[in-house]
Amino acid sequence: MANKITVLAVVLMAALMAANAIPDQTPQGVEKWFKRLPNAREKLTKLHFYMQDVVSGPNPTAIEVARSSLTANSKTFFGLTRVFDDPLTVTGSPDSKTVGYAQGLYVLTSQEDVALLFTYNFVFNDGKYAGSTLSVQGYNPLEAKYREMAVIGGSGVFRLAKGSAVASTYWANATTQDGIVEFTVYVLHYDVSGDDQYAQDI
C-alpha cells in the first residue's frame, strides 16, 4: 500500500511539473489563457546565458547566405547576411550545458560602423522554459561594450513577452570571425497560474 501511494505521489508530482513547464499551446488552450489574462499578474524574469557563434571550421553554426556588390570592398562588410543556429550555454565554455539555441539571421547594415541588424528567436529546450521561445530584434554595433536589443514577443511561458536583451562580447576571433556573446535578458511576461515566484535565472 505504501509503495502504491509513493508511486501515485511521484506520478502526480511529475504531472504537475509538466503542466507548469509550458502553457497549453492548442487553440483551446491559448483561448483559455487569453480569457484568464485580465486577472494575470505581470512578472519579471531574468535570464543569463552565452551564445556560441561559429563561422569557421567543418561544423559552423552561422553561414553566409547573401552579400552585396559592395561587401568585398567594404570595411564594414556592408550587405553581408548570415543565418545562424547558435547553441545557448550556461557558461562561456562551448562544452558547457546547452539550454537552447539562438536561431535567426543577422545583416551588416552600416557603411560607417560594423553594426548588425539582428532578428532571431531564443528557442529553449532544457529546464523550466523548455518549449518556450523569445523573439528579439534590434541594432547590434559590435564595437560597443553593451548592445541592447528589444524582446518583441514570445511563446509558451513567455507568451506576450516584452523586454530587453543586453549583449556583450565574451570572446571573439577577428581572423575566423567566431565569437561568444554573453546575454542578460530581462523579460516582462504574464503569470496566469497564480504562481508567487517573481524572477528566475538560468
Foldseek 3Di string as FASTA:
>chain_A
DVVVVVVVVVVVVVVVLVCQLWFDPDPVRVVVVVVLVVVWDKFKAKEKWKWWAFDDDDDGFKYWDDADPCQVVAPQSARTKIWGWTFTAHDQDPPHDTFFTWTDMWGQHDSPANKIWDWTKTAGCDDSNRPKIWTWTDIGGQVDQKDKTWGQAMHIQTGRKTWIKIKGWPDADPVRRTTMIIIITMIIGIDSPPDPDHYDYD
